[in-house]
Amino acid sequence: MKDTFPMKNAAWRLVAAAILSAWAVPAHAYLDPGTGSMLIQGLIGAIAMVSVTLKLYWHKIKAAFGGEVSDADEADEIAAESVAEDLNGERRSEPGETLSKD
């Protein structure tokens, strides 16, 4: 049966959290200033990682959500076809050479 009072569940969780925090035992741990700077460094690194990843894949993310296909997407497709041709062993022309189609 569906619970018709969703706040009732939240109230019980709040009461349980209050009771459990009343019995908190000291950890006897020491966090020096280096720990704080290490946490800040990790946060800055995570933000940098996310921003670089978004920058690298932005056009693909934009296309996935219905954005316009850009020139970068077309260049990626051409490069992917070129790599696929190389892997399949098809002959490619040298610079300045033209291939005749038989």
PDB file of N, CA and C in Angstrom:
ATOM      1  N   MET A   1       0.845  -1.179   0.000  1.00  0.00           N
ATOM      2  CA  MET A   1       0.000   0.000   0.000  1.00  0.00           C
ATOM      3  C   MET A   1       0.881   1.230   0.000  1.00  0.00           C
ATOM      4  N   LYS A   2       0.516   2.199  -0.796  1.00  0.00           N
ATOM      5  CA  LYS A   2       1.315   3.410  -0.928  1.00  0.00           C
ATOM      6  C   LYS A   2       1.156   4.276   0.314  1.00  0.00           C
ATOM      7  N   ASP A   3       2.297   4.799   0.786  1.00  0.00           N
ATOM      8  CA  ASP A   3       2.276   5.672   1.960  1.00  0.00           C
ATOM      9  C   ASP A   3       1.703   7.030   1.554  1.00  0.00           C
ATOM     10  N   THR A   4       0.615   7.436   2.182  1.00  0.00           N
ATOM     11  CA  THR A   4      -0.035   8.696   1.825  1.00  0.00           C
ATOM     12  C   THR A   4       0.554   9.879   2.576  1.00  0.00           C
ATOM     13  N   PHE A   5       1.431   9.617   3.543  1.00  0.00           N
ATOM     14  CA  PHE A   5       2.041  10.680   4.321  1.00  0.00           C
ATOM     15  C   PHE A   5       3.567  10.610   4.180  1.00  0.00           C
ATOM     16  N   PRO A   6       4.124  11.191   3.099  1.00  0.00           N
ATOM     17  CA  PRO A   6       5.569  11.095   2.899  1.00  0.00           C
ATOM     18  C   PRO A   6       6.363  11.820   3.985  1.00  0.00           C
ATOM     19  N   MET A   7       5.797  12.819   4.608  1.00  0.00           N
ATOM     20  CA  MET A   7       6.509  13.541   5.661  1.00  0.00           C
ATOM     21  C   MET A   7       6.656  12.687   6.919  1.00  0.00           C
ATOM     22  N   LYS A   8       5.785  11.719   7.074  1.00  0.00           N
ATOM     23  CA  LYS A   8       5.855  10.838   8.237  1.00  0.00           C
ATOM     24  C   LYS A   8       7.187  10.082   8.221  1.00  0.00           C
ATOM     25  N   ASN A   9       7.595   9.589   7.042  1.00  0.00           N
ATOM     26  CA  ASN A   9       8.849   8.883   6.890  1.00  0.00           C
ATOM     27  C   ASN A   9      10.028   9.819   7.176  1.00  0.00           C
ATOM     28  N   ALA A  10       9.957  11.045   6.691  1.00  0.00           N
ATOM     29  CA  ALA A  10      11.023  12.025   6.906  1.00  0.00           C
ATOM     30  C   ALA A  10      11.130  12.381   8.383  1.00  0.00           C
ATOM     31  N   ALA A  11      10.005  12.468   9.064  1.00  0.00           N
ATOM     32  CA  ALA A  11      10.022  12.792  10.493  1.00  0.00           C
ATOM     33  C   ALA A  11      10.707  11.685  11.280  1.00  0.00           C
ATOM     34  N   TRP A  12      10.428  10.423  10.935  1.00  0.00           N
ATOM     35  CA  TRP A  12      11.073   9.312  11.624  1.00  0.00           C
ATOM     36  C   TRP A  12      12.579   9.306  11.385  1.00  0.00           C
ATOM     37  N   ARG A  13      12.982   9.660  10.183  1.00  0.00           N
ATOM     38  CA  ARG A  13      14.414   9.730   9.889  1.00  0.00           C
ATOM     39  C   ARG A  13      15.082  10.834  10.699  1.00  0.00           C
ATOM     40  N   LEU A  14      14.413  11.950  10.837  1.00  0.00           N
ATOM     41  CA  LEU A  14      14.949  13.061  11.622  1.00  0.00           C
ATOM     42  C   LEU A  14      15.085  12.668  13.093  1.00  0.00           C
ATOM     43  N   VAL A  15      14.088  11.991  13.626  1.00  0.00           N
ATOM     44  CA  VAL A  15      14.135  11.545  15.026  1.00  0.00           C
ATOM     45  C   VAL A  15      15.271  10.536  15.209  1.00  0.00           C
ATOM     46  N   ALA A  16      15.419   9.596  14.257  1.00  0.00           N
ATOM     47  CA  ALA A  16      16.482   8.603  14.353  1.00  0.00           C
ATOM     48  C   ALA A  16      17.853   9.261  14.287  1.00  0.00           C
ATOM     49  N   ALA A  17      18.014  10.251  13.416  1.00  0.00           N
ATOM     50  CA  ALA A  17      19.288  10.958  13.309  1.00  0.00           C
ATOM     51  C   ALA A  17      19.602  11.710  14.591  1.00  0.00           C
ATOM     52  N   ALA A  18      18.608  12.326  15.204  1.00  0.00           N
ATOM     53  CA  ALA A  18      18.822  13.061  16.455  1.00  0.00           C
ATOM     54  C   ALA A  18      19.236  12.116  17.575  1.00  0.00           C
ATOM     55  N   ILE A  19      18.597  10.965  17.659  1.00  0.00           N
ATOM     56  CA  ILE A  19      18.935   9.993  18.705  1.00  0.00           C
ATOM     57  C   ILE A  19      20.347   9.448  18.496  1.00  0.00           C
ATOM     58  N   LEU A  20      20.680   9.099  17.247  1.00  0.00           N
ATOM     59  CA  LEU A  20      22.004   8.557  16.977  1.00  0.00           C
ATOM     60  C   LEU A  20      23.105   9.584  17.199  1.00  0.00           C
ATOM     61  N   SER A  21      22.832  10.856  16.891  1.00  0.00           N
ATOM     62  CA  SER A  21      23.868  11.873  17.104  1.00  0.00           C
ATOM     63  C   SER A  21      24.040  12.194  18.587  1.00  0.00           C
ATOM     64  N   ALA A  22      23.057  11.888  19.418  1.00  0.00           N
ATOM     65  CA  ALA A  22      23.178  12.122  20.850  1.00  0.00           C
ATOM     66  C   ALA A  22      24.185  11.146  21.461  1.00  0.00           C
ATOM     67  N   TRP A  23      24.377   9.991  20.838  1.00  0.00           N
ATOM     68  CA  TRP A  23      25.308   8.998  21.352  1.00  0.00           C
ATOM     69  C   TRP A  23      26.653   9.031  20.629  1.00  0.00           C
ATOM     70  N   ALA A  24      26.978  10.148  20.014  1.00  0.00           N
ATOM     71  CA  ALA A  24      28.238  10.254  19.280  1.00  0.00           C
ATOM     72  C   ALA A  24      29.420  10.146  20.241  1.00  0.00           C
ATOM     73  N   VAL A  25      30.408   9.391  19.842  1.00  0.00           N
ATOM     74  CA  VAL A  25      31.603   9.171  20.649  1.00  0.00           C
ATOM     75  C   VAL A  25      32.737   9.983  20.031  1.00  0.00           C
ATOM     76  N   PRO A  26      33.542  10.669  20.815  1.00  0.00           N
ATOM     77  CA  PRO A  26      34.654  11.430  20.242  1.00  0.00           C
ATOM     78  C   PRO A  26      35.612  10.518  19.479  1.00  0.00           C
ATOM     79  N   ALA A  27      36.124  10.999  18.354  1.00  0.00           N
ATOM     80  CA  ALA A  27      36.981  10.183  17.503  1.00  0.00           C
ATOM     81  C   ALA A  27      38.440  10.248  17.937  1.00  0.00           C
ATOM     82  N   HIS A  28      38.817  11.226  18.725  1.00  0.00           N
ATOM     83  CA  HIS A  28      40.201  11.436  19.152  1.00  0.00           C
ATOM     84  C   HIS A  28      41.125  11.514  17.935  1.00  0.00           C
ATOM     85  N   ALA A  29      40.685  12.262  16.922  1.00  0.00           N
ATOM     86  CA  ALA A  29      41.457  12.421  15.701  1.00  0.00           C
ATOM     87  C   ALA A  29      41.900  13.870  15.584  1.00  0.00           C
ATOM     88  N   TYR A  30      43.009  14.069  14.906  1.00  0.00           N
ATOM     89  CA  TYR A  30      43.543  15.410  14.713  1.00  0.00           C
ATOM     90  C   TYR A  30      43.674  15.664  13.221  1.00  0.00           C
ATOM     91  N   LEU A  31      43.088  16.750  12.772  1.00  0.00           N
ATOM     92  CA  LEU A  31      43.214  17.151  11.376  1.00  0.00           C
ATOM     93  C   LEU A  31      44.074  18.409  11.333  1.00  0.00           C
ATOM     94  N   ASP A  32      45.270  18.287  10.803  1.00  0.00           N
ATOM     95  CA  ASP A  32      46.157  19.441  10.745  1.00  0.00           C
ATOM     96  C   ASP A  32      45.817  20.321   9.544  1.00  0.00           C
ATOM     97  N   PRO A  33      46.409  21.509   9.463  1.00  0.00           N
ATOM     98  CA  PRO A  33      46.103  22.412   8.337  1.00  0.00           C
ATOM     99  C   PRO A  33      46.443  21.808   6.976  1.00  0.00           C
ATOM    100  N   GLY A  34      47.399  20.909   6.929  1.00  0.00           N
ATOM    101  CA  GLY A  34      47.738  20.276   5.657  1.00  0.00           C
ATOM    102  C   GLY A  34      46.595  19.451   5.097  1.00  0.00           C
ATOM    103  N   THR A  35      45.767  18.909   5.970  1.00  0.00           N
ATOM    104  CA  THR A  35      44.616  18.122   5.523  1.00  0.00           C
ATOM    105  C   THR A  35      43.621  19.012   4.790  1.00  0.00           C
ATOM    106  N   GLY A  36      43.388  20.194   5.342  1.00  0.00           N
ATOM    107  CA  GLY A  36      42.464  21.128   4.692  1.00  0.00           C
ATOM    108  C   GLY A  36      42.960  21.563   3.332  1.00  0.00           C
ATOM    109  N   SER A  37      44.259  21.855   3.236  1.00  0.00           N
ATOM    110  CA  SER A  37      44.793  22.270   1.940  1.00  0.00           C
ATOM    111  C   SER A  37      44.771  21.114   0.939  1.00  0.00           C
ATOM    112  N   MET A  38      44.941  19.893   1.423  1.00  0.00           N
ATOM    113  CA  MET A  38      44.867  18.738   0.537  1.00  0.00           C
ATOM    114  C   MET A  38      43.440  18.563   0.012  1.00  0.00           C
ATOM    115  N   LEU A  39      42.447  18.780   0.858  1.00  0.00           N
ATOM    116  CA  LEU A  39      41.059  18.683   0.411  1.00  0.00           C
ATOM    117  C   LEU A  39      40.743  19.765  -0.623  1.00  0.00           C
ATOM    118  N   ILE A  40      41.235  20.976  -0.387  1.00  0.00           N
ATOM    119  CA  ILE A  40      41.006  22.065  -1.347  1.00  0.00           C
ATOM    120  C   ILE A  40      41.695  21.747  -2.672  1.00  0.00           C
ATOM    121  N   GLN A  41      42.909  21.213  -2.616  1.00  0.00           N
ATOM    122  CA  GLN A  41      43.635  20.842  -3.824  1.00  0.00           C
ATOM    123  C   GLN A  41      42.879  19.763  -4.597  1.00  0.00           C
ATOM    124  N   GLY A  42      42.330  18.796  -3.897  1.00  0.00           N
ATOM    125  CA  GLY A  42      41.544  17.761  -4.560  1.00  0.00           C
ATOM    126  C   GLY A  42      40.300  18.315  -5.220  1.00  0.00           C
ATOM    127  N   LEU A  43      39.647  19.255  -4.548  1.00  0.00           N
ATOM    128  CA  LEU A  43      38.451  19.898  -5.112  1.00  0.00           C
ATOM    129  C   LEU A  43      38.806  20.686  -6.368  1.00  0.00           C
ATOM    130  N   ILE A  44      39.893  21.446  -6.326  1.00  0.00           N
ATOM    131  CA  ILE A  44      40.324  22.215  -7.497  1.00  0.00           C
ATOM    132  C   ILE A  44      40.685  21.269  -8.641  1.00  0.00           C
ATOM    133  N   GLY A  45      41.357  20.165  -8.334  1.00  0.00           N
ATOM    134  CA  GLY A  45      41.704  19.182  -9.360  1.00  0.00           C
ATOM    135  C   GLY A  45      40.472  18.552  -9.991  1.00  0.00           C
ATOM    136  N   ALA A  46      39.464  18.261  -9.171  1.00  0.00           N
ATOM    137  CA  ALA A  46      38.225  17.673  -9.693  1.00  0.00           C
ATOM    138  C   ALA A  46      37.499  18.654 -10.609  1.00  0.00           C
ATOM    139  N   ILE A  47      37.469  19.925 -10.214  1.00  0.00           N
ATOM    140  CA  ILE A  47      36.829  20.948 -11.049  1.00  0.00           C
ATOM    141  C   ILE A  47      37.580  21.082 -12.374  1.00  0.00           C
ATOM    142  N   ALA A  48      38.920  21.068 -12.331  1.00  0.00           N
ATOM    143  CA  ALA A  48      39.713  21.158 -13.561  1.00  0.00           C
ATOM    144  C   ALA A  48      39.461  19.950 -14.455  1.00  0.00           C
ATOM    145  N   MET A  49      39.374  18.764 -13.853  1.00  0.00           N
ATOM    146  CA  MET A  49      39.147  17.550 -14.625  1.00  0.00           C
ATOM    147  C   MET A  49      37.790  17.603 -15.336  1.00  0.00           C
ATOM    148  N   VAL A  50      36.771  18.012 -14.621  1.00  0.00           N
ATOM    149  CA  VAL A  50      35.435  18.088 -15.220  1.00  0.00           C
ATOM    150  C   VAL A  50      35.405  19.121 -16.328  1.00  0.00           C
ATOM    151  N   SER A  51      36.031  20.278 -16.109  1.00  0.00           N
ATOM    152  CA  SER A  51      35.993  21.329 -17.128  1.00  0.00           C
ATOM    153  C   SER A  51      36.750  20.917 -18.391  1.00  0.00           C
ATOM    154  N   VAL A  52      37.896  20.260 -18.257  1.00  0.00           N
ATOM    155  CA  VAL A  52      38.641  19.814 -19.433  1.00  0.00           C
ATOM    156  C   VAL A  52      37.869  18.720 -20.172  1.00  0.00           C
ATOM    157  N   THR A  53      37.265  17.805 -19.435  1.00  0.00           N
ATOM    158  CA  THR A  53      36.480  16.743 -20.065  1.00  0.00           C
ATOM    159  C   THR A  53      35.298  17.333 -20.837  1.00  0.00           C
ATOM    160  N   LEU A  54      34.608  18.301 -20.231  1.00  0.00           N
ATOM    161  CA  LEU A  54      33.495  18.945 -20.929  1.00  0.00           C
ATOM    162  C   LEU A  54      33.975  19.678 -22.168  1.00  0.00           C
ATOM    163  N   LYS A  55      35.129  20.329 -22.071  1.00  0.00           N
ATOM    164  CA  LYS A  55      35.654  21.049 -23.224  1.00  0.00           C
ATOM    165  C   LYS A  55      35.972  20.087 -24.365  1.00  0.00           C
ATOM    166  N   LEU A  56      36.563  18.936 -24.035  1.00  0.00           N
ATOM    167  CA  LEU A  56      36.938  17.978 -25.068  1.00  0.00           C
ATOM    168  C   LEU A  56      35.725  17.353 -25.754  1.00  0.00           C
ATOM    169  N   TYR A  57      34.669  17.099 -24.999  1.00  0.00           N
ATOM    170  CA  TYR A  57      33.512  16.399 -25.543  1.00  0.00           C
ATOM    171  C   TYR A  57      32.294  17.296 -25.710  1.00  0.00           C
ATOM    172  N   TRP A  58      32.460  18.608 -25.657  1.00  0.00           N
ATOM    173  CA  TRP A  58      31.313  19.512 -25.686  1.00  0.00           C
ATOM    174  C   TRP A  58      30.485  19.356 -26.955  1.00  0.00           C
ATOM    175  N   HIS A  59      31.133  19.258 -28.110  1.00  0.00           N
ATOM    176  CA  HIS A  59      30.362  19.156 -29.353  1.00  0.00           C
ATOM    177  C   HIS A  59      29.575  17.854 -29.419  1.00  0.00           C
ATOM    178  N   LYS A  60      30.103  16.783 -28.840  1.00  0.00           N
ATOM    179  CA  LYS A  60      29.363  15.517 -28.832  1.00  0.00           C
ATOM    180  C   LYS A  60      28.198  15.581 -27.846  1.00  0.00           C
ATOM    181  N   ILE A  61      28.411  16.218 -26.704  1.00  0.00           N
ATOM    182  CA  ILE A  61      27.337  16.377 -25.726  1.00  0.00           C
ATOM    183  C   ILE A  61      26.231  17.248 -26.309  1.00  0.00           C
ATOM    184  N   LYS A  62      26.627  18.323 -26.982  1.00  0.00           N
ATOM    185  CA  LYS A  62      25.653  19.232 -27.590  1.00  0.00           C
ATOM    186  C   LYS A  62      24.845  18.511 -28.671  1.00  0.00           C
ATOM    187  N   ALA A  63      25.509  17.704 -29.476  1.00  0.00           N
ATOM    188  CA  ALA A  63      24.810  16.967 -30.537  1.00  0.00           C
ATOM    189  C   ALA A  63      23.860  15.927 -29.957  1.00  0.00           C
ATOM    190  N   ALA A  64      24.236  15.334 -28.807  1.00  0.00           N
ATOM    191  CA  ALA A  64      23.382  14.323 -28.187  1.00  0.00           C
ATOM    192  C   ALA A  64      22.076  14.917 -27.697  1.00  0.00           C
ATOM    193  N   PHE A  65      22.083  16.188 -27.342  1.00  0.00           N
ATOM    194  CA  PHE A  65      20.869  16.834 -26.856  1.00  0.00           C
ATOM    195  C   PHE A  65      20.163  17.630 -27.947  1.00  0.00           C
ATOM    196  N   GLY A  66      20.473  17.343 -29.194  1.00  0.00           N
ATOM    197  CA  GLY A  66      19.742  17.938 -30.298  1.00  0.00           C
ATOM    198  C   GLY A  66      20.335  19.213 -30.830  1.00  0.00           C
ATOM    199  N   GLY A  67      21.571  19.504 -30.507  1.00  0.00           N
ATOM    200  CA  GLY A  67      22.226  20.698 -31.038  1.00  0.00           C
ATOM    201  C   GLY A  67      22.590  20.495 -32.491  1.00  0.00           C
ATOM    202  N   GLU A  68      22.979  21.582 -33.146  1.00  0.00           N
ATOM    203  CA  GLU A  68      23.367  21.493 -34.543  1.00  0.00           C
ATOM    204  C   GLU A  68      24.714  20.787 -34.673  1.00  0.00           C
ATOM    205  N   VAL A  69      24.880  20.093 -35.788  1.00  0.00           N
ATOM    206  CA  VAL A  69      26.151  19.428 -36.069  1.00  0.00           C
ATOM    207  C   VAL A  69      27.125  20.494 -36.552  1.00  0.00           C
ATOM    208  N   SER A  70      28.267  20.579 -35.930  1.00  0.00           N
ATOM    209  CA  SER A  70      29.232  21.610 -36.285  1.00  0.00           C
ATOM    210  C   SER A  70      30.276  21.071 -37.250  1.00  0.00           C
ATOM    211  N   ASP A  71      31.147  21.957 -37.709  1.00  0.00           N
ATOM    212  CA  ASP A  71      32.234  21.550 -38.594  1.00  0.00           C
ATOM    213  C   ASP A  71      33.181  20.595 -37.891  1.00  0.00           C
ATOM    214  N   ALA A  72      33.326  20.755 -36.584  1.00  0.00           N
ATOM    215  CA  ALA A  72      34.202  19.863 -35.823  1.00  0.00           C
ATOM    216  C   ALA A  72      33.677  18.428 -35.865  1.00  0.00           C
ATOM    217  N   ASP A  73      32.346  18.267 -35.819  1.00  0.00           N
ATOM    218  CA  ASP A  73      31.765  16.927 -35.904  1.00  0.00           C
ATOM    219  C   ASP A  73      32.045  16.301 -37.262  1.00  0.00           C
ATOM    220  N   GLU A  74      31.912  17.092 -38.320  1.00  0.00           N
ATOM    221  CA  GLU A  74      32.181  16.576 -39.652  1.00  0.00           C
ATOM    222  C   GLU A  74      33.652  16.215 -39.805  1.00  0.00           C
ATOM    223  N   ALA A  75      34.547  17.025 -39.238  1.00  0.00           N
ATOM    224  CA  ALA A  75      35.979  16.726 -39.294  1.00  0.00           C
ATOM    225  C   ALA A  75      36.286  15.442 -38.529  1.00  0.00           C
ATOM    226  N   ASP A  76      35.602  15.240 -37.400  1.00  0.00           N
ATOM    227  CA  ASP A  76      35.793  14.009 -36.632  1.00  0.00           C
ATOM    228  C   ASP A  76      35.354  12.793 -37.447  1.00  0.00           C
ATOM    229  N   GLU A  77      34.233  12.916 -38.157  1.00  0.00           N
ATOM    230  CA  GLU A  77      33.748  11.797 -38.961  1.00  0.00           C
ATOM    231  C   GLU A  77      34.712  11.481 -40.098  1.00  0.00           C
ATOM    232  N   ILE A  78      35.256  12.515 -40.739  1.00  0.00           N
ATOM    233  CA  ILE A  78      36.212  12.302 -41.830  1.00  0.00           C
ATOM    234  C   ILE A  78      37.470  11.627 -41.295  1.00  0.00           C
ATOM    235  N   ALA A  79      37.948  12.094 -40.133  1.00  0.00           N
ATOM    236  CA  ALA A  79      39.136  11.486 -39.533  1.00  0.00           C
ATOM    237  C   ALA A  79      38.873  10.038 -39.153  1.00  0.00           C
ATOM    238  N   ALA A  80      37.687   9.750 -38.626  1.00  0.00           N
ATOM    239  CA  ALA A  80      37.344   8.379 -38.246  1.00  0.00           C
ATOM    240  C   ALA A  80      37.292   7.474 -39.477  1.00  0.00           C
ATOM    241  N   GLU A  81      36.750   7.972 -40.590  1.00  0.00           N
ATOM    242  CA  GLU A  81      36.716   7.187 -41.820  1.00  0.00           C
ATOM    243  C   GLU A  81      38.131   6.913 -42.320  1.00  0.00           C
ATOM    244  N   SER A  82      38.998   7.918 -42.199  1.00  0.00           N
ATOM    245  CA  SER A  82      40.377   7.760 -42.638  1.00  0.00           C
ATOM    246  C   SER A  82      41.092   6.691 -41.826  1.00  0.00           C
ATOM    247  N   VAL A  83      40.882   6.715 -40.521  1.00  0.00           N
ATOM    248  CA  VAL A  83      41.494   5.705 -39.652  1.00  0.00           C
ATOM    249  C   VAL A  83      40.926   4.328 -39.976  1.00  0.00           C
ATOM    250  N   ALA A  84      39.627   4.240 -40.230  1.00  0.00           N
ATOM    251  CA  ALA A  84      39.010   2.956 -40.561  1.00  0.00           C
ATOM    252  C   ALA A  84      39.583   2.410 -41.867  1.00  0.00           C
ATOM    253  N   GLU A  85      39.822   3.291 -42.842  1.00  0.00           N
ATOM    254  CA  GLU A  85      40.421   2.848 -44.097  1.00  0.00           C
ATOM    255  C   GLU A  85      41.827   2.318 -43.855  1.00  0.00           C
ATOM    256  N   ASP A  86      42.593   2.999 -43.010  1.00  0.00           N
ATOM    257  CA  ASP A  86      43.949   2.541 -42.705  1.00  0.00           C
ATOM    258  C   ASP A  86      43.919   1.175 -42.032  1.00  0.00           C
ATOM    259  N   LEU A  87      42.983   0.982 -41.123  1.00  0.00           N
ATOM    260  CA  LEU A  87      42.901  -0.285 -40.399  1.00  0.00           C
ATOM    261  C   LEU A  87      42.427  -1.416 -41.298  1.00  0.00           C
ATOM    262  N   ASN A  88      41.601  -1.089 -42.286  1.00  0.00           N
ATOM    263  CA  ASN A  88      41.093  -2.113 -43.192  1.00  0.00           C
ATOM    264  C   ASN A  88      42.075  -2.447 -44.305  1.00  0.00           C
ATOM    265  N   GLY A  89      43.184  -1.720 -44.378  1.00  0.00           N
ATOM    266  CA  GLY A  89      44.211  -2.022 -45.373  1.00  0.00           C
ATOM    267  C   GLY A  89      43.960  -1.420 -46.731  1.00  0.00           C
ATOM    268  N   GLU A  90      43.033  -0.501 -46.853  1.00  0.00           N
ATOM    269  CA  GLU A  90      42.794   0.126 -48.144  1.00  0.00           C
ATOM    270  C   GLU A  90      43.931   1.086 -48.446  1.00  0.00           C
ATOM    271  N   ARG A  91      44.277   1.173 -49.709  1.00  0.00           N
ATOM    272  CA  ARG A  91      45.390   2.032 -50.099  1.00  0.00           C
ATOM    273  C   ARG A  91      44.950   3.483 -50.080  1.00  0.00           C
ATOM    274  N   ARG A  92      45.802   4.301 -49.512  1.00  0.00           N
ATOM    275  CA  ARG A  92      45.538   5.739 -49.498  1.00  0.00           C
ATOM    276  C   ARG A  92      46.584   6.422 -50.342  1.00  0.00           C
ATOM    277  N   SER A  93      46.233   7.573 -50.854  1.00  0.00           N
ATOM    278  CA  SER A  93      47.165   8.292 -51.709  1.00  0.00           C
ATOM    279  C   SER A  93      48.197   9.032 -50.886  1.00  0.00           C
ATOM    280  N   GLU A  94      49.359   9.212 -51.500  1.00  0.00           N
ATOM    281  CA  GLU A  94      50.404  10.030 -50.896  1.00  0.00           C
ATOM    282  C   GLU A  94      50.077  11.487 -51.190  1.00  0.00           C
ATOM    283  N   PRO A  95      50.672  12.408 -50.465  1.00  0.00           N
ATOM    284  CA  PRO A  95      50.423  13.824 -50.771  1.00  0.00           C
ATOM    285  C   PRO A  95      50.803  14.147 -52.210  1.00  0.00           C
ATOM    286  N   GLY A  96      49.902  14.766 -52.920  1.00  0.00           N
ATOM    287  CA  GLY A  96      50.124  15.138 -54.310  1.00  0.00           C
ATOM    288  C   GLY A  96      49.771  14.048 -55.296  1.00  0.00           C
ATOM    289  N   GLU A  97      49.470  12.841 -54.848  1.00  0.00           N
ATOM    290  CA  GLU A  97      49.143  11.723 -55.730  1.00  0.00           C
ATOM    291  C   GLU A  97      47.632  11.589 -55.801  1.00  0.00           C
ATOM    292  N   THR A  98      47.126  11.261 -56.979  1.00  0.00           N
ATOM    293  CA  THR A  98      45.689  11.027 -57.115  1.00  0.00           C
ATOM    294  C   THR A  98      45.465   9.557 -57.419  1.00  0.00           C
ATOM    295  N   LEU A  99      44.416   9.020 -56.865  1.00  0.00           N
ATOM    296  CA  LEU A  99      44.068   7.621 -57.099  1.00  0.00           C
ATOM    297  C   LEU A  99      42.970   7.552 -58.145  1.00  0.00           C
ATOM    298  N   SER A 100      43.116   6.646 -59.062  1.00  0.00           N
ATOM    299  CA  SER A 100      42.068   6.466 -60.056  1.00  0.00           C
ATOM    300  C   SER A 100      41.112   5.394 -59.517  1.00  0.00           C
ATOM    301  N   LYS A 101      39.829   5.641 -59.746  1.00  0.00           N
ATOM    302  CA  LYS A 101      38.827   4.693 -59.313  1.00  0.00           C
ATOM    303  C   LYS A 101      38.581   3.691 -60.427  1.00  0.00           C
ATOM    304  N   ASP A 102      38.750   2.430 -60.141  1.00  0.00           N
ATOM    305  CA  ASP A 102      38.550   1.377 -61.157  1.00  0.00           C
ATOM    306  C   ASP A 102      37.173   0.823 -61.075  1.00  0.00           C
TER     307      ASP A 102
END
